[in-house]
Amino acid sequence: MFLLDAVLTVEPNWSSLFIGESVTLTCDMKEGNDTDWEYRWKKDEVFIQYISNKYYNFKPILVKDSGRYQCSGFHRSSNHIKNSNIISLTVSGESSMFYHHDQQLLF
């Protein structure tokens, strides 16, 4: 029996995210091997992806990626499901990467 909940973290763990940055969400089941689990990702209470990877990457992140994220893990052998905490991402502003020569933003 699994008693611990999953833990969702974000890297980088900044209070402000800007378009163009690389951001990774990590869903840690806190037990077993990563390959023992199937991962389900939700944004704003809607399933967006079902994969066998505990990482959800934004490369680059965009304003439309703002929202509340949560992951769930489905244990392959026991059929147990664990839900994570919710993380809110707010993406705003202009990219910090740009060409000085022509002042065009890179997205």
PDB file of N, CA and C in Angstrom:
ATOM      1  N   MET A   1       0.843  -1.182   0.000  1.00  0.00           N
ATOM      2  CA  MET A   1       0.000   0.000   0.000  1.00  0.00           C
ATOM      3  C   MET A   1       0.886   1.242   0.000  1.00  0.00           C
ATOM      4  N   PHE A   2       0.492   2.245  -0.777  1.00  0.00           N
ATOM      5  CA  PHE A   2       1.236   3.484  -0.880  1.00  0.00           C
ATOM      6  C   PHE A   2       0.510   4.574  -0.092  1.00  0.00           C
ATOM      7  N   LEU A   3       1.209   5.214   0.816  1.00  0.00           N
ATOM      8  CA  LEU A   3       0.577   6.197   1.683  1.00  0.00           C
ATOM      9  C   LEU A   3       0.971   7.637   1.374  1.00  0.00           C
ATOM     10  N   LEU A   4       2.123   7.831   0.784  1.00  0.00           N
ATOM     11  CA  LEU A   4       2.602   9.179   0.514  1.00  0.00           C
ATOM     12  C   LEU A   4       1.992   9.732  -0.764  1.00  0.00           C
ATOM     13  N   ASP A   5       1.711  11.014  -0.787  1.00  0.00           N
ATOM     14  CA  ASP A   5       1.250  11.665  -1.997  1.00  0.00           C
ATOM     15  C   ASP A   5       2.430  12.004  -2.889  1.00  0.00           C
ATOM     16  N   ALA A   6       2.147  12.223  -4.146  1.00  0.00           N
ATOM     17  CA  ALA A   6       3.174  12.658  -5.088  1.00  0.00           C
ATOM     18  C   ALA A   6       3.532  14.117  -4.809  1.00  0.00           C
ATOM     19  N   VAL A   7       4.746  14.501  -5.199  1.00  0.00           N
ATOM     20  CA  VAL A   7       5.193  15.881  -5.007  1.00  0.00           C
ATOM     21  C   VAL A   7       5.535  16.478  -6.366  1.00  0.00           C
ATOM     22  N   LEU A   8       4.888  17.588  -6.695  1.00  0.00           N
ATOM     23  CA  LEU A   8       5.136  18.305  -7.936  1.00  0.00           C
ATOM     24  C   LEU A   8       6.014  19.508  -7.634  1.00  0.00           C
ATOM     25  N   THR A   9       7.114  19.645  -8.393  1.00  0.00           N
ATOM     26  CA  THR A   9       8.019  20.782  -8.232  1.00  0.00           C
ATOM     27  C   THR A   9       8.241  21.440  -9.587  1.00  0.00           C
ATOM     28  N   VAL A  10       8.726  22.668  -9.551  1.00  0.00           N
ATOM     29  CA  VAL A  10       9.028  23.415 -10.777  1.00  0.00           C
ATOM     30  C   VAL A  10      10.469  23.903 -10.712  1.00  0.00           C
ATOM     31  N   GLU A  11      11.134  23.844 -11.853  1.00  0.00           N
ATOM     32  CA  GLU A  11      12.521  24.314 -11.969  1.00  0.00           C
ATOM     33  C   GLU A  11      12.640  25.154 -13.229  1.00  0.00           C
ATOM     34  N   PRO A  12      13.089  26.374 -13.151  1.00  0.00           N
ATOM     35  CA  PRO A  12      13.568  27.040 -11.943  1.00  0.00           C
ATOM     36  C   PRO A  12      12.402  27.439 -11.044  1.00  0.00           C
ATOM     37  N   ASN A  13      12.655  27.483  -9.768  1.00  0.00           N
ATOM     38  CA  ASN A  13      11.619  27.781  -8.787  1.00  0.00           C
ATOM     39  C   ASN A  13      11.587  29.291  -8.534  1.00  0.00           C
ATOM     40  N   TRP A  14      11.149  30.029  -9.547  1.00  0.00           N
ATOM     41  CA  TRP A  14      11.082  31.483  -9.460  1.00  0.00           C
ATOM     42  C   TRP A  14       9.643  31.914  -9.303  1.00  0.00           C
ATOM     43  N   SER A  15       9.437  33.052  -8.672  1.00  0.00           N
ATOM     44  CA  SER A  15       8.080  33.568  -8.506  1.00  0.00           C
ATOM     45  C   SER A  15       7.555  34.169  -9.802  1.00  0.00           C
ATOM     46  N   SER A  16       8.442  34.629 -10.667  1.00  0.00           N
ATOM     47  CA  SER A  16       8.035  35.203 -11.948  1.00  0.00           C
ATOM     48  C   SER A  16       8.689  34.439 -13.088  1.00  0.00           C
ATOM     49  N   LEU A  17       7.883  34.027 -14.041  1.00  0.00           N
ATOM     50  CA  LEU A  17       8.389  33.357 -15.237  1.00  0.00           C
ATOM     51  C   LEU A  17       8.135  34.252 -16.438  1.00  0.00           C
ATOM     52  N   PHE A  18       9.068  34.270 -17.360  1.00  0.00           N
ATOM     53  CA  PHE A  18       8.948  35.120 -18.527  1.00  0.00           C
ATOM     54  C   PHE A  18       8.966  34.274 -19.791  1.00  0.00           C
ATOM     55  N   ILE A  19       8.243  34.742 -20.802  1.00  0.00           N
ATOM     56  CA  ILE A  19       8.195  34.000 -22.052  1.00  0.00           C
ATOM     57  C   ILE A  19       9.614  33.764 -22.567  1.00  0.00           C
ATOM     58  N   GLY A  20       9.790  32.590 -23.153  1.00  0.00           N
ATOM     59  CA  GLY A  20      11.088  32.247 -23.712  1.00  0.00           C
ATOM     60  C   GLY A  20      11.962  31.422 -22.801  1.00  0.00           C
ATOM     61  N   GLU A  21      11.624  31.334 -21.509  1.00  0.00           N
ATOM     62  CA  GLU A  21      12.441  30.561 -20.579  1.00  0.00           C
ATOM     63  C   GLU A  21      12.139  29.065 -20.706  1.00  0.00           C
ATOM     64  N   SER A  22      13.084  28.245 -20.308  1.00  0.00           N
ATOM     65  CA  SER A  22      12.881  26.798 -20.223  1.00  0.00           C
ATOM     66  C   SER A  22      12.448  26.468 -18.802  1.00  0.00           C
ATOM     67  N   VAL A  23      11.338  25.755 -18.680  1.00  0.00           N
ATOM     68  CA  VAL A  23      10.770  25.415 -17.382  1.00  0.00           C
ATOM     69  C   VAL A  23      10.440  23.929 -17.381  1.00  0.00           C
ATOM     70  N   THR A  24      10.724  23.253 -16.271  1.00  0.00           N
ATOM     71  CA  THR A  24      10.433  21.820 -16.142  1.00  0.00           C
ATOM     72  C   THR A  24       9.632  21.562 -14.885  1.00  0.00           C
ATOM     73  N   LEU A  25       8.517  20.853 -15.042  1.00  0.00           N
ATOM     74  CA  LEU A  25       7.759  20.342 -13.908  1.00  0.00           C
ATOM     75  C   LEU A  25       8.209  18.908 -13.667  1.00  0.00           C
ATOM     76  N   THR A  26       8.379  18.533 -12.404  1.00  0.00           N
ATOM     77  CA  THR A  26       8.791  17.180 -12.045  1.00  0.00           C
ATOM     78  C   THR A  26       7.768  16.588 -11.082  1.00  0.00           C
ATOM     79  N   CYS A  27       7.284  15.402 -11.426  1.00  0.00           N
ATOM     80  CA  CYS A  27       6.304  14.691 -10.606  1.00  0.00           C
ATOM     81  C   CYS A  27       7.014  13.523  -9.921  1.00  0.00           C
ATOM     82  N   ASP A  28       7.222  13.650  -8.618  1.00  0.00           N
ATOM     83  CA  ASP A  28       7.967  12.650  -7.863  1.00  0.00           C
ATOM     84  C   ASP A  28       6.994  11.811  -7.040  1.00  0.00           C
ATOM     85  N   MET A  29       6.964  10.509  -7.320  1.00  0.00           N
ATOM     86  CA  MET A  29       6.070   9.603  -6.602  1.00  0.00           C
ATOM     87  C   MET A  29       6.595   9.237  -5.221  1.00  0.00           C
ATOM     88  N   LYS A  30       7.866   9.515  -4.944  1.00  0.00           N
ATOM     89  CA  LYS A  30       8.495   9.298  -3.639  1.00  0.00           C
ATOM     90  C   LYS A  30       8.641   7.831  -3.246  1.00  0.00           C
ATOM     91  N   GLU A  31       8.482   6.929  -4.201  1.00  0.00           N
ATOM     92  CA  GLU A  31       8.711   5.516  -3.920  1.00  0.00           C
ATOM     93  C   GLU A  31       8.756   4.742  -5.221  1.00  0.00           C
ATOM     94  N   GLY A  32       9.424   3.608  -5.163  1.00  0.00           N
ATOM     95  CA  GLY A  32       9.544   2.780  -6.349  1.00  0.00           C
ATOM     96  C   GLY A  32      10.429   3.416  -7.396  1.00  0.00           C
ATOM     97  N   ASN A  33      10.513   2.768  -8.543  1.00  0.00           N
ATOM     98  CA  ASN A  33      11.273   3.290  -9.670  1.00  0.00           C
ATOM     99  C   ASN A  33      10.378   4.158 -10.532  1.00  0.00           C
ATOM    100  N   ASP A  34      10.984   5.116 -11.219  1.00  0.00           N
ATOM    101  CA  ASP A  34      10.211   5.977 -12.121  1.00  0.00           C
ATOM    102  C   ASP A  34       9.447   5.157 -13.149  1.00  0.00           C
ATOM    103  N   THR A  35      10.035   4.039 -13.584  1.00  0.00           N
ATOM    104  CA  THR A  35       9.412   3.209 -14.616  1.00  0.00           C
ATOM    105  C   THR A  35       8.236   2.391 -14.085  1.00  0.00           C
ATOM    106  N   ASP A  36       8.012   2.402 -12.768  1.00  0.00           N
ATOM    107  CA  ASP A  36       6.861   1.707 -12.179  1.00  0.00           C
ATOM    108  C   ASP A  36       5.570   2.491 -12.371  1.00  0.00           C
ATOM    109  N   TRP A  37       5.685   3.728 -12.827  1.00  0.00           N
ATOM    110  CA  TRP A  37       4.542   4.638 -12.852  1.00  0.00           C
ATOM    111  C   TRP A  37       4.226   5.129 -14.261  1.00  0.00           C
ATOM    112  N   GLU A  38       2.939   5.382 -14.504  1.00  0.00           N
ATOM    113  CA  GLU A  38       2.467   6.147 -15.660  1.00  0.00           C
ATOM    114  C   GLU A  38       2.036   7.499 -15.104  1.00  0.00           C
ATOM    115  N   TYR A  39       2.336   8.567 -15.821  1.00  0.00           N
ATOM    116  CA  TYR A  39       2.080   9.913 -15.317  1.00  0.00           C
ATOM    117  C   TYR A  39       0.987  10.592 -16.125  1.00  0.00           C
ATOM    118  N   ARG A  40       0.084  11.227 -15.413  1.00  0.00           N
ATOM    119  CA  ARG A  40      -0.996  11.994 -16.038  1.00  0.00           C
ATOM    120  C   ARG A  40      -0.825  13.442 -15.610  1.00  0.00           C
ATOM    121  N   TRP A  41      -0.897  14.327 -16.583  1.00  0.00           N
ATOM    122  CA  TRP A  41      -0.695  15.749 -16.331  1.00  0.00           C
ATOM    123  C   TRP A  41      -1.983  16.509 -16.575  1.00  0.00           C
ATOM    124  N   LYS A  42      -2.315  17.413 -15.640  1.00  0.00           N
ATOM    125  CA  LYS A  42      -3.505  18.243 -15.777  1.00  0.00           C
ATOM    126  C   LYS A  42      -3.119  19.714 -15.727  1.00  0.00           C
ATOM    127  N   LYS A  43      -3.804  20.503 -16.535  1.00  0.00           N
ATOM    128  CA  LYS A  43      -3.701  21.959 -16.472  1.00  0.00           C
ATOM    129  C   LYS A  43      -5.114  22.490 -16.272  1.00  0.00           C
ATOM    130  N   ASP A  44      -5.310  23.273 -15.232  1.00  0.00           N
ATOM    131  CA  ASP A  44      -6.624  23.850 -14.930  1.00  0.00           C
ATOM    132  C   ASP A  44      -7.717  22.781 -14.902  1.00  0.00           C
ATOM    133  N   GLU A  45      -7.411  21.656 -14.240  1.00  0.00           N
ATOM    134  CA  GLU A  45      -8.349  20.544 -14.014  1.00  0.00           C
ATOM    135  C   GLU A  45      -8.681  19.725 -15.265  1.00  0.00           C
ATOM    136  N   VAL A  46      -7.956  19.921 -16.356  1.00  0.00           N
ATOM    137  CA  VAL A  46      -8.190  19.179 -17.598  1.00  0.00           C
ATOM    138  C   VAL A  46      -6.938  18.362 -17.926  1.00  0.00           C
ATOM    139  N   PHE A  47      -7.114  17.060 -18.213  1.00  0.00           N
ATOM    140  CA  PHE A  47      -5.968  16.234 -18.581  1.00  0.00           C
ATOM    141  C   PHE A  47      -5.367  16.729 -19.882  1.00  0.00           C
ATOM    142  N   ILE A  48      -4.049  16.897 -19.882  1.00  0.00           N
ATOM    143  CA  ILE A  48      -3.360  17.378 -21.077  1.00  0.00           C
ATOM    144  C   ILE A  48      -2.368  16.371 -21.627  1.00  0.00           C
ATOM    145  N   GLN A  49      -1.931  15.415 -20.798  1.00  0.00           N
ATOM    146  CA  GLN A  49      -0.961  14.443 -21.288  1.00  0.00           C
ATOM    147  C   GLN A  49      -0.927  13.224 -20.375  1.00  0.00           C
ATOM    148  N   TYR A  50      -0.730  12.068 -20.992  1.00  0.00           N
ATOM    149  CA  TYR A  50      -0.607  10.798 -20.270  1.00  0.00           C
ATOM    150  C   TYR A  50       0.636  10.119 -20.815  1.00  0.00           C
ATOM    151  N   ILE A  51       1.704  10.066 -19.996  1.00  0.00           N
ATOM    152  CA  ILE A  51       2.989   9.575 -20.480  1.00  0.00           C
ATOM    153  C   ILE A  51       3.688   8.743 -19.407  1.00  0.00           C
ATOM    154  N   SER A  52       4.773   8.104 -19.786  1.00  0.00           N
ATOM    155  CA  SER A  52       5.561   7.335 -18.824  1.00  0.00           C
ATOM    156  C   SER A  52       6.794   8.119 -18.395  1.00  0.00           C
ATOM    157  N   ASN A  53       6.679   9.439 -18.363  1.00  0.00           N
ATOM    158  CA  ASN A  53       7.795  10.317 -18.026  1.00  0.00           C
ATOM    159  C   ASN A  53       7.371  11.248 -16.899  1.00  0.00           C
ATOM    160  N   LYS A  54       8.204  11.366 -15.875  1.00  0.00           N
ATOM    161  CA  LYS A  54       7.842  12.209 -14.743  1.00  0.00           C
ATOM    162  C   LYS A  54       8.146  13.690 -14.962  1.00  0.00           C
ATOM    163  N   TYR A  55       8.644  14.037 -16.151  1.00  0.00           N
ATOM    164  CA  TYR A  55       8.981  15.423 -16.464  1.00  0.00           C
ATOM    165  C   TYR A  55       8.017  15.991 -17.503  1.00  0.00           C
ATOM    166  N   TYR A  56       7.619  17.237 -17.284  1.00  0.00           N
ATOM    167  CA  TYR A  56       6.817  17.967 -18.264  1.00  0.00           C
ATOM    168  C   TYR A  56       7.584  19.248 -18.567  1.00  0.00           C
ATOM    169  N   ASN A  57       8.034  19.390 -19.814  1.00  0.00           N
ATOM    170  CA  ASN A  57       8.930  20.482 -20.184  1.00  0.00           C
ATOM    171  C   ASN A  57       8.244  21.543 -21.028  1.00  0.00           C
ATOM    172  N   PHE A  58       8.613  22.785 -20.766  1.00  0.00           N
ATOM    173  CA  PHE A  58       8.214  23.917 -21.588  1.00  0.00           C
ATOM    174  C   PHE A  58       9.500  24.501 -22.167  1.00  0.00           C
ATOM    175  N   LYS A  59       9.668  24.395 -23.465  1.00  0.00           N
ATOM    176  CA  LYS A  59      10.883  24.923 -24.115  1.00  0.00           C
ATOM    177  C   LYS A  59      10.504  25.531 -25.460  1.00  0.00           C
ATOM    178  N   PRO A  60      10.203  26.786 -25.519  1.00  0.00           N
ATOM    179  CA  PRO A  60      10.159  27.761 -24.430  1.00  0.00           C
ATOM    180  C   PRO A  60       8.758  27.843 -23.830  1.00  0.00           C
ATOM    181  N   ILE A  61       8.661  28.449 -22.659  1.00  0.00           N
ATOM    182  CA  ILE A  61       7.353  28.669 -22.046  1.00  0.00           C
ATOM    183  C   ILE A  61       6.722  29.921 -22.648  1.00  0.00           C
ATOM    184  N   LEU A  62       5.400  29.900 -22.781  1.00  0.00           N
ATOM    185  CA  LEU A  62       4.655  31.006 -23.377  1.00  0.00           C
ATOM    186  C   LEU A  62       3.579  31.475 -22.403  1.00  0.00           C
ATOM    187  N   VAL A  63       3.012  32.639 -22.658  1.00  0.00           N
ATOM    188  CA  VAL A  63       1.964  33.179 -21.793  1.00  0.00           C
ATOM    189  C   VAL A  63       0.797  32.207 -21.694  1.00  0.00           C
ATOM    190  N   LYS A  64       0.464  31.529 -22.803  1.00  0.00           N
ATOM    191  CA  LYS A  64      -0.660  30.582 -22.803  1.00  0.00           C
ATOM    192  C   LYS A  64      -0.420  29.375 -21.886  1.00  0.00           C
ATOM    193  N   ASP A  65       0.814  29.172 -21.450  1.00  0.00           N
ATOM    194  CA  ASP A  65       1.134  28.076 -20.533  1.00  0.00           C
ATOM    195  C   ASP A  65       0.833  28.422 -19.074  1.00  0.00           C
ATOM    196  N   SER A  66       0.428  29.649 -18.804  1.00  0.00           N
ATOM    197  CA  SER A  66       0.045  30.027 -17.446  1.00  0.00           C
ATOM    198  C   SER A  66      -1.141  29.174 -17.007  1.00  0.00           C
ATOM    199  N   GLY A  67      -1.140  28.758 -15.755  1.00  0.00           N
ATOM    200  CA  GLY A  67      -2.255  27.977 -15.250  1.00  0.00           C
ATOM    201  C   GLY A  67      -1.868  27.177 -14.025  1.00  0.00           C
ATOM    202  N   ARG A  68      -2.809  26.339 -13.586  1.00  0.00           N
ATOM    203  CA  ARG A  68      -2.615  25.495 -12.396  1.00  0.00           C
ATOM    204  C   ARG A  68      -2.349  24.073 -12.869  1.00  0.00           C
ATOM    205  N   TYR A  69      -1.193  23.528 -12.490  1.00  0.00           N
ATOM    206  CA  TYR A  69      -0.761  22.206 -12.938  1.00  0.00           C
ATOM    207  C   TYR A  69      -0.770  21.206 -11.786  1.00  0.00           C
ATOM    208  N   GLN A  70      -1.111  19.971 -12.142  1.00  0.00           N
ATOM    209  CA  GLN A  70      -1.096  18.870 -11.186  1.00  0.00           C
ATOM    210  C   GLN A  70      -0.743  17.602 -11.939  1.00  0.00           C
ATOM    211  N   CYS A  71      -0.067  16.688 -11.268  1.00  0.00           N
ATOM    212  CA  CYS A  71       0.222  15.393 -11.875  1.00  0.00           C
ATOM    213  C   CYS A  71      -0.373  14.286 -11.018  1.00  0.00           C
ATOM    214  N   SER A  72      -0.612  13.165 -11.660  1.00  0.00           N
ATOM    215  CA  SER A  72      -1.072  11.958 -10.982  1.00  0.00           C
ATOM    216  C   SER A  72      -0.194  10.816 -11.457  1.00  0.00           C
ATOM    217  N   GLY A  73       0.032   9.870 -10.580  1.00  0.00           N
ATOM    218  CA  GLY A  73       0.797   8.691 -10.944  1.00  0.00           C
ATOM    219  C   GLY A  73      -0.056   7.448 -10.798  1.00  0.00           C
ATOM    220  N   PHE A  74       0.010   6.598 -11.799  1.00  0.00           N
ATOM    221  CA  PHE A  74      -0.714   5.327 -11.808  1.00  0.00           C
ATOM    222  C   PHE A  74       0.326   4.224 -11.724  1.00  0.00           C
ATOM    223  N   HIS A  75       0.337   3.483 -10.608  1.00  0.00           N
ATOM    224  CA  HIS A  75       1.329   2.432 -10.411  1.00  0.00           C
ATOM    225  C   HIS A  75       0.955   1.224 -11.272  1.00  0.00           C
ATOM    226  N   ARG A  76       1.890   0.796 -12.118  1.00  0.00           N
ATOM    227  CA  ARG A  76       1.614  -0.253 -13.113  1.00  0.00           C
ATOM    228  C   ARG A  76       1.208  -1.597 -12.502  1.00  0.00           C
ATOM    229  N   SER A  77       1.811  -1.994 -11.379  1.00  0.00           N
ATOM    230  CA  SER A  77       1.516  -3.328 -10.840  1.00  0.00           C
ATOM    231  C   SER A  77       0.396  -3.330  -9.797  1.00  0.00           C
ATOM    232  N   SER A  78       0.275  -2.267  -9.021  1.00  0.00           N
ATOM    233  CA  SER A  78      -0.739  -2.259  -7.959  1.00  0.00           C
ATOM    234  C   SER A  78      -2.020  -1.520  -8.346  1.00  0.00           C
ATOM    235  N   ASN A  79      -1.972  -0.771  -9.465  1.00  0.00           N
ATOM    236  CA  ASN A  79      -3.105   0.052  -9.921  1.00  0.00           C
ATOM    237  C   ASN A  79      -3.446   1.183  -8.955  1.00  0.00           C
ATOM    238  N   HIS A  80      -2.526   1.489  -8.038  1.00  0.00           N
ATOM    239  CA  HIS A  80      -2.727   2.580  -7.090  1.00  0.00           C
ATOM    240  C   HIS A  80      -2.492   3.916  -7.795  1.00  0.00           C
ATOM    241  N   ILE A  81      -3.261   4.925  -7.422  1.00  0.00           N
ATOM    242  CA  ILE A  81      -3.122   6.268  -8.001  1.00  0.00           C
ATOM    243  C   ILE A  81      -2.735   7.247  -6.905  1.00  0.00           C
ATOM    244  N   LYS A  82      -1.743   8.087  -7.206  1.00  0.00           N
ATOM    245  CA  LYS A  82      -1.313   9.143  -6.287  1.00  0.00           C
ATOM    246  C   LYS A  82      -1.455  10.485  -6.987  1.00  0.00           C
ATOM    247  N   ASN A  83      -1.965  11.477  -6.283  1.00  0.00           N
ATOM    248  CA  ASN A  83      -2.119  12.825  -6.820  1.00  0.00           C
ATOM    249  C   ASN A  83      -1.131  13.773  -6.157  1.00  0.00           C
ATOM    250  N   SER A  84      -0.657  14.725  -6.919  1.00  0.00           N
ATOM    251  CA  SER A  84       0.310  15.691  -6.398  1.00  0.00           C
ATOM    252  C   SER A  84      -0.386  16.948  -5.891  1.00  0.00           C
ATOM    253  N   ASN A  85       0.435  17.795  -5.302  1.00  0.00           N
ATOM    254  CA  ASN A  85       0.032  19.162  -4.990  1.00  0.00           C
ATOM    255  C   ASN A  85      -0.190  19.911  -6.308  1.00  0.00           C
ATOM    256  N   ILE A  86      -0.765  21.086  -6.233  1.00  0.00           N
ATOM    257  CA  ILE A  86      -1.000  21.936  -7.410  1.00  0.00           C
ATOM    258  C   ILE A  86       0.018  23.067  -7.408  1.00  0.00           C
ATOM    259  N   ILE A  87       0.578  23.335  -8.591  1.00  0.00           N
ATOM    260  CA  ILE A  87       1.508  24.456  -8.763  1.00  0.00           C
ATOM    261  C   ILE A  87       0.909  25.421  -9.771  1.00  0.00           C
ATOM    262  N   SER A  88       0.896  26.695  -9.411  1.00  0.00           N
ATOM    263  CA  SER A  88       0.419  27.730 -10.330  1.00  0.00           C
ATOM    264  C   SER A  88       1.596  28.364 -11.041  1.00  0.00           C
ATOM    265  N   LEU A  89       1.511  28.414 -12.362  1.00  0.00           N
ATOM    266  CA  LEU A  89       2.532  29.080 -13.169  1.00  0.00           C
ATOM    267  C   LEU A  89       1.926  30.334 -13.775  1.00  0.00           C
ATOM    268  N   THR A  90       2.627  31.437 -13.635  1.00  0.00           N
ATOM    269  CA  THR A  90       2.215  32.688 -14.260  1.00  0.00           C
ATOM    270  C   THR A  90       3.360  33.158 -15.143  1.00  0.00           C
ATOM    271  N   VAL A  91       3.070  33.240 -16.427  1.00  0.00           N
ATOM    272  CA  VAL A  91       4.084  33.629 -17.406  1.00  0.00           C
ATOM    273  C   VAL A  91       3.705  34.991 -17.954  1.00  0.00           C
ATOM    274  N   SER A  92       4.641  35.916 -17.902  1.00  0.00           N
ATOM    275  CA  SER A  92       4.343  37.262 -18.381  1.00  0.00           C
ATOM    276  C   SER A  92       5.602  37.931 -18.887  1.00  0.00           C
ATOM    277  N   GLY A  93       5.407  39.136 -19.371  1.00  0.00           N
ATOM    278  CA  GLY A  93       6.529  39.961 -19.774  1.00  0.00           C
ATOM    279  C   GLY A  93       7.168  39.544 -21.066  1.00  0.00           C
ATOM    280  N   GLU A  94       8.248  40.206 -21.357  1.00  0.00           N
ATOM    281  CA  GLU A  94       8.997  39.940 -22.575  1.00  0.00           C
ATOM    282  C   GLU A  94      10.143  38.999 -22.264  1.00  0.00           C
ATOM    283  N   SER A  95      10.566  38.296 -23.274  1.00  0.00           N
ATOM    284  CA  SER A  95      11.703  37.404 -23.124  1.00  0.00           C
ATOM    285  C   SER A  95      12.935  38.201 -22.753  1.00  0.00           C
ATOM    286  N   SER A  96      13.768  37.608 -21.925  1.00  0.00           N
ATOM    287  CA  SER A  96      15.024  38.266 -21.571  1.00  0.00           C
ATOM    288  C   SER A  96      16.084  38.049 -22.641  1.00  0.00           C
ATOM    289  N   MET A  97      15.753  37.241 -23.641  1.00  0.00           N
ATOM    290  CA  MET A  97      16.691  36.984 -24.736  1.00  0.00           C
ATOM    291  C   MET A  97      16.275  37.804 -25.947  1.00  0.00           C
ATOM    292  N   PHE A  98      17.160  38.617 -26.442  1.00  0.00           N
ATOM    293  CA  PHE A  98      16.851  39.380 -27.641  1.00  0.00           C
ATOM    294  C   PHE A  98      18.137  39.757 -28.345  1.00  0.00           C
ATOM    295  N   TYR A  99      17.976  40.133 -29.609  1.00  0.00           N
ATOM    296  CA  TYR A  99      19.113  40.620 -30.376  1.00  0.00           C
ATOM    297  C   TYR A  99      19.281  42.104 -30.089  1.00  0.00           C
ATOM    298  N   HIS A 100      20.455  42.495 -29.656  1.00  0.00           N
ATOM    299  CA  HIS A 100      20.715  43.916 -29.422  1.00  0.00           C
ATOM    300  C   HIS A 100      20.747  44.674 -30.740  1.00  0.00           C
ATOM    301  N   HIS A 101      21.195  44.021 -31.795  1.00  0.00           N
ATOM    302  CA  HIS A 101      21.378  44.703 -33.076  1.00  0.00           C
ATOM    303  C   HIS A 101      20.069  45.222 -33.645  1.00  0.00           C
ATOM    304  N   ASP A 102      19.047  44.353 -33.712  1.00  0.00           N
ATOM    305  CA  ASP A 102      17.804  44.801 -34.336  1.00  0.00           C
ATOM    306  C   ASP A 102      16.635  44.870 -33.343  1.00  0.00           C
ATOM    307  N   GLN A 103      16.908  44.560 -32.065  1.00  0.00           N
ATOM    308  CA  GLN A 103      15.911  44.661 -31.000  1.00  0.00           C
ATOM    309  C   GLN A 103      14.697  43.761 -31.203  1.00  0.00           C
ATOM    310  N   GLN A 104      14.833  42.684 -31.957  1.00  0.00           N
ATOM    311  CA  GLN A 104      13.725  41.751 -32.129  1.00  0.00           C
ATOM    312  C   GLN A 104      13.770  40.712 -31.022  1.00  0.00           C
ATOM    313  N   LEU A 105      12.604  40.406 -30.480  1.00  0.00           N
ATOM    314  CA  LEU A 105      12.528  39.402 -29.431  1.00  0.00           C
ATOM    315  C   LEU A 105      12.592  38.011 -30.033  1.00  0.00           C
ATOM    316  N   LEU A 106      13.209  37.116 -29.329  1.00  0.00           N
ATOM    317  CA  LEU A 106      13.212  35.704 -29.704  1.00  0.00           C
ATOM    318  C   LEU A 106      12.176  34.985 -28.848  1.00  0.00           C
ATOM    319  N   PHE A 107      11.363  34.174 -29.477  1.00  0.00           N
ATOM    320  CA  PHE A 107      10.373  33.388 -28.733  1.00  0.00           C
ATOM    321  C   PHE A 107      10.642  31.940 -28.943  1.00  0.00           C
TER     322      PHE A 107
END
